[in-house]
Protein backbone atom coordinates (compact mmCIF):
# COMPACT_ATOMS: atom_id res chain seq x y z
CA MET A 1 -89.98 41.16 -134.84
CA ARG A 2 -88.38 42.79 -137.85
CA SER A 3 -86.03 44.93 -135.73
CA LYS A 4 -84.81 41.80 -133.93
CA ARG A 5 -83.93 40.21 -137.26
CA HIS A 6 -82.10 43.34 -138.33
CA ALA A 7 -80.20 43.45 -135.04
CA VAL A 8 -79.19 39.79 -135.37
CA LEU A 9 -78.15 40.28 -138.98
CA LEU A 10 -76.13 43.36 -138.07
CA MET A 11 -74.38 41.46 -135.26
CA LEU A 12 -73.58 38.61 -137.65
CA VAL A 13 -72.15 40.98 -140.25
CA LEU A 14 -70.03 42.75 -137.63
CA PHE A 15 -68.80 39.39 -136.35
CA VAL A 16 -67.73 38.28 -139.84
CA VAL A 17 -66.04 41.63 -140.52
CA GLY A 18 -64.23 41.29 -137.19
CA ILE A 19 -62.99 37.82 -138.10
CA MET A 20 -61.75 39.06 -141.46
CA ALA A 21 -59.97 42.02 -139.85
CA HIS A 22 -58.37 39.73 -137.28
CA ALA A 23 -57.22 37.36 -140.00
CA LEU A 24 -55.60 40.15 -141.95
CA ALA A 25 -53.91 41.55 -138.85
CA ALA A 26 -52.72 38.09 -137.81
CA GLY A 27 -50.54 37.52 -140.84
CA GLY A 28 -52.48 38.33 -143.95
CA TYR A 29 -52.54 35.60 -146.53
CA LEU A 30 -51.06 32.15 -146.99
CA ALA A 31 -50.41 30.81 -150.47
CA ASN A 32 -50.16 27.08 -151.08
CA THR A 33 -47.43 26.31 -153.60
CA LYS A 34 -48.93 22.86 -154.22
CA SER A 35 -52.48 23.96 -155.06
CA GLY A 36 -51.74 27.41 -156.48
CA LYS A 37 -54.38 29.00 -154.22
CA TYR A 38 -54.11 31.68 -151.55
CA HIS A 39 -56.10 31.82 -148.34
CA ILE A 40 -56.88 34.18 -145.51
CA SER A 41 -54.52 33.03 -142.76
CA THR A 42 -57.39 31.66 -140.65
CA CYS A 43 -59.10 29.70 -143.45
CA ARG A 44 -60.61 26.47 -142.13
CA THR A 45 -59.08 24.48 -144.98
CA ILE A 46 -55.52 25.16 -143.78
CA LYS A 47 -54.56 22.30 -141.48
CA HIS A 48 -50.82 22.94 -141.13
CA PRO A 49 -50.06 26.63 -141.80
CA ASN A 50 -46.39 26.21 -140.91
CA ALA A 51 -45.82 23.57 -143.58
CA ALA A 52 -43.05 24.23 -146.08
CA HIS A 53 -45.49 24.55 -149.00
CA PHE A 54 -47.17 27.68 -147.55
CA VAL A 55 -45.81 31.12 -148.36
CA SER A 56 -46.91 34.18 -146.40
CA TYR A 57 -48.01 37.41 -148.11
CA ASN A 58 -49.17 40.70 -146.62
CA THR A 59 -51.63 41.71 -149.34
CA GLU A 60 -53.97 40.08 -151.78
CA LYS A 61 -52.26 41.96 -154.62
CA GLU A 62 -48.98 40.23 -153.77
CA CYS A 63 -50.66 36.82 -154.00
CA ILE A 64 -52.21 37.62 -157.36
CA ALA A 65 -48.92 39.04 -158.70
CA ALA A 66 -47.21 35.79 -157.70
CA GLY A 67 -49.75 33.83 -159.76
CA TYR A 68 -52.03 32.46 -157.04
CA VAL A 69 -55.84 32.32 -157.23
CA ARG A 70 -58.38 32.79 -154.44
CA CYS A 71 -59.53 29.93 -152.24
CA LYS A 72 -63.23 29.34 -152.85
CA VAL A 73 -63.87 28.54 -149.17
CA CYS A 74 -62.51 31.59 -147.37
CA PHE A 75 -63.47 34.05 -150.14
CA ARG A 76 -67.18 33.24 -150.49
C-alpha cells in the first residue's frame, strides 16, 4: 500500500514539474502592468495573455528587476 502511495506521489510531482518546464519553454513569464505581478505563462488566472497590459519576460530575474512581484496562484 505504501509503495502505491509513493508511486502516485512521484507521478504527481513529475507531472507538476513537466507542466512548469512546459510553461517556461512556452514563453517564460508574463507580467501584468496593471497589477504589478508576474505569472508563469500558463497561470490559470491569465484570461487574455495577448492583452496590451501583459509584458513577456524570459526569466524570473527580469521580472523582479522590472519591479514585478510573484503571482500567489502560480507560485504556490
